[in-house]
Amino acid sequence: MGHLYSTYHLGRVGSEMLQWSGASRKEQLIYGSTLGLGFLTVVEVFDGFSQEWGASSGDIIANVSGTALYVSQEVLWKEQRITPKFSFHQTKFASQRPETLGASFNEEILKDYNGQTYWLSFNVHSFTKDKFVPKWLNLAIGYGGEGMLYGKDAEAIENGIIQNPYRQFYLSLDVDLMKITTKSHFLKTLFSVFNTIKIPAPTLQYDEYNGLRAHFIYF
């Protein structure tokens, strides 16, 4: 999900940069939206030559999917109705293995997968065209996980840890900042940057161990 998220937004930035420069829509999609795919593919090649990581077919599929999500929406709808987003909250797991999951807040955001949630945020008005629905209102479906100290359970046991990783699914409200009308170029740029982040909002969570839970505000 992190790879899909990254390739989508890097491709979106590349496309917007070419649009700003006056390139045609075809050039935006061919050269701009593939920026993320090209960048992450290079990373994957380096991982393939690394003894510590190795190449991942799952990562490559996610890279292609992120680019495809952006391009397909431009081709089908000429707008982005579904936006990948990210949110993060600190967990107890980072302190148990700080060298891998992060020793500071900035490191934890990147390394502690237990606190990461990835979302697909759907713009309601774009799909329904209902004039009573605010154009900025989104419905978001989230995916995360918890209980992950090591990449594999066998590795955890070797280090005297019994981990219990499990998936989490979320349903929440969100805001599409790009749908907020403004004439300010500064605000448009600001909205474009922060539209990558899911806003904290009331959220329903489901997982196999806790069942259905409600959060008044979830990060």
Protein backbone atom coordinates (compact mmCIF):
# COMPACT_ATOMS: atom_id res chain seq x y z
CA MET A 1 0.00 0.00 0.00
CA GLY A 2 2.91 2.34 0.68
CA HIS A 3 4.26 1.73 -2.81
CA LEU A 4 0.85 2.31 -4.42
CA TYR A 5 0.48 5.53 -2.42
CA SER A 6 3.96 6.76 -3.38
CA THR A 7 3.75 6.04 -7.11
CA TYR A 8 0.30 7.61 -7.34
CA HIS A 9 1.32 10.90 -5.73
CA LEU A 10 4.72 11.15 -7.42
CA GLY A 11 2.95 10.59 -10.72
CA ARG A 12 0.32 13.18 -9.82
CA VAL A 13 3.03 15.73 -9.04
CA GLY A 14 4.82 14.93 -12.29
CA SER A 15 1.61 15.38 -14.27
CA GLU A 16 0.78 18.66 -12.53
CA MET A 17 4.29 19.99 -13.18
CA LEU A 18 3.95 19.28 -16.90
CA GLN A 19 0.50 20.86 -16.90
CA TRP A 20 2.00 23.99 -15.33
CA SER A 21 4.73 24.02 -17.98
CA GLY A 22 2.16 23.95 -20.79
CA ALA A 23 2.60 20.34 -21.92
CA SER A 24 -0.30 18.60 -23.62
CA ARG A 25 -2.59 16.28 -21.69
CA LYS A 26 -1.12 13.28 -23.52
CA GLU A 27 2.40 14.31 -22.52
CA GLN A 28 1.24 14.81 -18.93
CA LEU A 29 -0.04 11.24 -18.76
CA ILE A 30 2.85 9.60 -20.61
CA TYR A 31 5.81 11.45 -19.08
CA GLY A 32 4.46 13.04 -15.92
CA SER A 33 2.27 10.37 -14.36
CA THR A 34 4.99 7.72 -14.84
CA LEU A 35 7.47 9.67 -12.67
CA GLY A 36 6.55 7.65 -9.59
CA LEU A 37 6.75 4.34 -11.43
CA GLY A 38 10.17 5.19 -12.80
CA PHE A 39 11.53 6.33 -9.44
CA LEU A 40 10.23 3.34 -7.46
CA THR A 41 11.36 0.92 -10.16
CA VAL A 42 14.93 2.19 -9.72
CA VAL A 43 14.56 1.67 -5.95
CA GLU A 44 13.33 -1.87 -6.56
CA VAL A 45 16.33 -2.62 -8.81
CA PHE A 46 18.69 -1.50 -6.04
CA ASP A 47 16.73 -3.62 -3.53
CA GLY A 48 17.20 -6.57 -5.88
CA PHE A 49 20.97 -6.25 -5.58
CA SER A 50 20.81 -5.81 -1.78
CA GLN A 51 21.50 -8.85 0.41
CA GLU A 52 19.35 -7.34 3.16
CA TRP A 53 16.20 -6.65 1.10
CA GLY A 54 15.93 -8.36 -2.29
CA ALA A 55 13.45 -7.53 -5.05
CA SER A 56 9.73 -7.90 -4.39
CA SER A 57 7.16 -8.81 -7.04
CA GLY A 58 4.46 -7.47 -4.70
CA ASP A 59 6.17 -4.07 -4.59
CA ILE A 60 6.43 -3.97 -8.38
CA ILE A 61 2.72 -4.79 -8.77
CA ALA A 62 1.90 -2.03 -6.25
CA ASN A 63 4.09 0.44 -8.15
CA VAL A 64 2.23 -0.26 -11.39
CA SER A 65 -1.13 -0.12 -9.58
CA GLY A 66 -0.45 3.35 -8.17
CA THR A 67 0.36 4.75 -11.61
CA ALA A 68 -2.59 2.90 -13.15
CA LEU A 69 -4.96 4.36 -10.55
CA TYR A 70 -4.01 7.89 -11.52
CA VAL A 71 -3.93 7.38 -15.29
CA SER A 72 -7.17 5.37 -15.46
CA GLN A 73 -9.12 8.08 -13.63
CA GLU A 74 -7.80 10.76 -15.96
CA VAL A 75 -8.77 8.66 -18.96
CA LEU A 76 -12.20 7.61 -17.65
CA TRP A 77 -13.37 10.71 -15.77
CA LYS A 78 -10.80 13.46 -16.52
CA GLU A 79 -10.62 14.01 -12.76
CA GLN A 80 -9.39 12.22 -9.65
CA ARG A 81 -12.36 10.78 -7.79
CA ILE A 82 -10.35 8.29 -5.72
CA THR A 83 -7.28 9.52 -3.86
CA PRO A 84 -4.81 7.38 -1.86
CA LYS A 85 -4.10 8.98 1.52
CA PHE A 86 -1.98 8.33 4.60
CA SER A 87 -2.38 8.73 8.35
CA PHE A 88 -0.20 7.81 11.31
CA HIS A 89 -0.41 7.35 15.08
CA GLN A 90 2.33 6.32 17.50
CA THR A 91 2.24 2.77 18.90
CA LYS A 92 3.84 0.79 21.71
CA PHE A 93 5.79 -1.37 19.27
CA ALA A 94 8.43 1.19 18.24
CA SER A 95 9.85 1.35 21.78
CA GLN A 96 10.24 -2.45 21.78
CA ARG A 97 12.45 -2.39 18.67
CA PRO A 98 13.54 1.22 18.04
CA GLU A 99 16.51 0.30 15.83
CA THR A 100 14.07 -1.06 13.25
CA LEU A 101 10.75 0.67 13.95
CA GLY A 102 12.18 4.11 14.76
CA ALA A 103 13.79 5.87 17.69
CA SER A 104 12.03 9.22 17.14
CA PHE A 105 8.66 10.40 15.89
CA ASN A 106 10.03 11.26 12.44
CA GLU A 107 11.60 7.80 12.10
CA GLU A 108 8.45 6.05 13.36
CA ILE A 109 6.31 7.68 10.66
CA LEU A 110 8.44 5.94 8.02
CA LYS A 111 9.38 2.72 9.81
CA ASP A 112 6.61 1.70 12.22
CA TYR A 113 4.05 0.01 9.98
CA ASN A 114 1.88 -0.65 13.06
CA GLY A 115 0.99 3.04 13.21
CA GLN A 116 0.49 3.56 9.47
CA THR A 117 -2.94 3.52 7.85
CA TYR A 118 -3.41 3.76 4.10
CA TRP A 119 -6.69 4.97 2.67
CA LEU A 120 -8.62 5.13 -0.58
CA SER A 121 -10.64 8.33 -0.29
CA PHE A 122 -13.72 8.51 -2.54
CA ASN A 123 -15.24 11.88 -3.44
CA VAL A 124 -18.98 11.41 -2.93
CA HIS A 125 -20.17 14.29 -5.12
CA SER A 126 -18.07 13.15 -8.10
CA PHE A 127 -19.88 9.81 -8.12
CA THR A 128 -23.41 10.89 -7.18
CA LYS A 129 -23.55 14.39 -8.78
CA ASP A 130 -26.03 15.23 -6.02
CA LYS A 131 -26.19 18.99 -5.53
CA PHE A 132 -26.99 18.52 -1.83
CA VAL A 133 -23.71 16.71 -1.21
CA PRO A 134 -20.76 19.05 -0.50
CA LYS A 135 -18.16 18.81 -3.27
CA TRP A 136 -15.38 18.40 -0.71
CA LEU A 137 -16.95 15.48 1.21
CA ASN A 138 -15.18 12.12 0.91
CA LEU A 139 -15.79 8.62 2.21
CA ALA A 140 -12.55 6.77 3.00
CA ILE A 141 -11.76 3.07 3.28
CA GLY A 142 -8.60 2.34 5.27
CA TYR A 143 -6.18 -0.56 5.68
CA GLY A 144 -3.58 -1.12 8.37
CA GLY A 145 -2.01 -3.74 10.59
CA GLU A 146 -0.70 -4.26 14.11
CA GLY A 147 1.46 -6.64 16.10
CA MET A 148 4.39 -6.44 13.67
CA LEU A 149 7.79 -6.44 15.37
CA TYR A 150 9.57 -8.64 12.82
CA GLY A 151 8.96 -9.35 9.15
CA LYS A 152 8.36 -13.05 9.79
CA ASP A 153 6.97 -14.96 12.80
CA ALA A 154 9.92 -17.37 12.68
CA GLU A 155 12.35 -14.46 12.98
CA ALA A 156 10.42 -13.15 15.98
CA ILE A 157 10.59 -16.56 17.70
CA GLU A 158 14.35 -16.71 17.11
CA ASN A 159 14.60 -13.46 19.07
CA GLY A 160 12.39 -14.71 21.92
CA ILE A 161 9.27 -12.85 20.78
CA ILE A 162 5.85 -14.30 20.00
CA GLN A 163 4.15 -11.76 17.77
CA ASN A 164 0.56 -11.75 16.62
CA PRO A 165 0.22 -9.62 13.49
CA TYR A 166 -3.26 -8.94 12.14
CA ARG A 167 -4.99 -6.75 9.55
CA GLN A 168 -7.27 -3.81 10.34
CA PHE A 169 -9.96 -2.27 8.15
CA TYR A 170 -11.47 1.20 8.53
CA LEU A 171 -14.37 3.31 7.32
CA SER A 172 -14.24 7.08 7.86
CA LEU A 173 -15.12 10.52 6.59
CA ASP A 174 -12.58 12.69 4.82
CA VAL A 175 -12.15 15.98 2.96
CA ASP A 176 -10.98 16.43 -0.64
CA LEU A 177 -9.00 19.66 -0.34
CA MET A 178 -8.72 19.91 -4.14
CA LYS A 179 -12.50 20.41 -4.32
CA ILE A 180 -12.36 23.56 -2.15
CA THR A 181 -12.75 26.57 -4.44
CA THR A 182 -10.11 29.28 -4.12
CA LYS A 183 -8.41 31.80 -6.42
CA SER A 184 -5.23 31.78 -4.34
CA HIS A 185 -2.34 29.97 -6.06
CA PHE A 186 -0.68 29.58 -2.67
CA LEU A 187 -3.72 27.83 -1.19
CA LYS A 188 -4.09 25.63 -4.26
CA THR A 189 -0.49 24.48 -3.83
CA LEU A 190 -1.02 23.98 -0.10
CA PHE A 191 -4.20 21.97 -0.71
CA SER A 192 -2.40 19.83 -3.31
CA VAL A 193 0.36 18.96 -0.81
CA PHE A 194 -1.90 18.21 2.15
CA ASN A 195 -4.46 16.28 0.10
CA THR A 196 -2.07 13.34 0.49
CA ILE A 197 -2.97 13.11 4.19
CA LYS A 198 -6.21 11.73 5.63
CA ILE A 199 -7.74 14.18 8.10
CA PRO A 200 -8.54 12.90 11.63
CA ALA A 201 -12.24 12.04 11.76
CA PRO A 202 -14.79 9.69 13.38
CA THR A 203 -13.93 6.17 12.23
CA LEU A 204 -15.21 2.60 12.37
CA GLN A 205 -12.55 -0.10 12.73
CA TYR A 206 -12.85 -3.85 12.19
CA ASP A 207 -10.34 -6.63 12.84
CA GLU A 208 -10.56 -10.31 13.71
CA TYR A 209 -9.46 -9.87 17.34
CA ASN A 210 -11.35 -6.77 18.47
CA GLY A 211 -14.36 -7.00 16.17
CA LEU A 212 -16.08 -3.72 15.36
CA ARG A 213 -14.85 -0.61 17.20
CA ALA A 214 -15.73 3.05 16.93
CA HIS A 215 -13.21 5.91 17.28
CA PHE A 216 -14.47 9.41 17.98
CA ILE A 217 -11.31 10.68 16.26
CA TYR A 218 -8.82 8.41 14.51
CA PHE A 219 -5.37 9.42 13.27
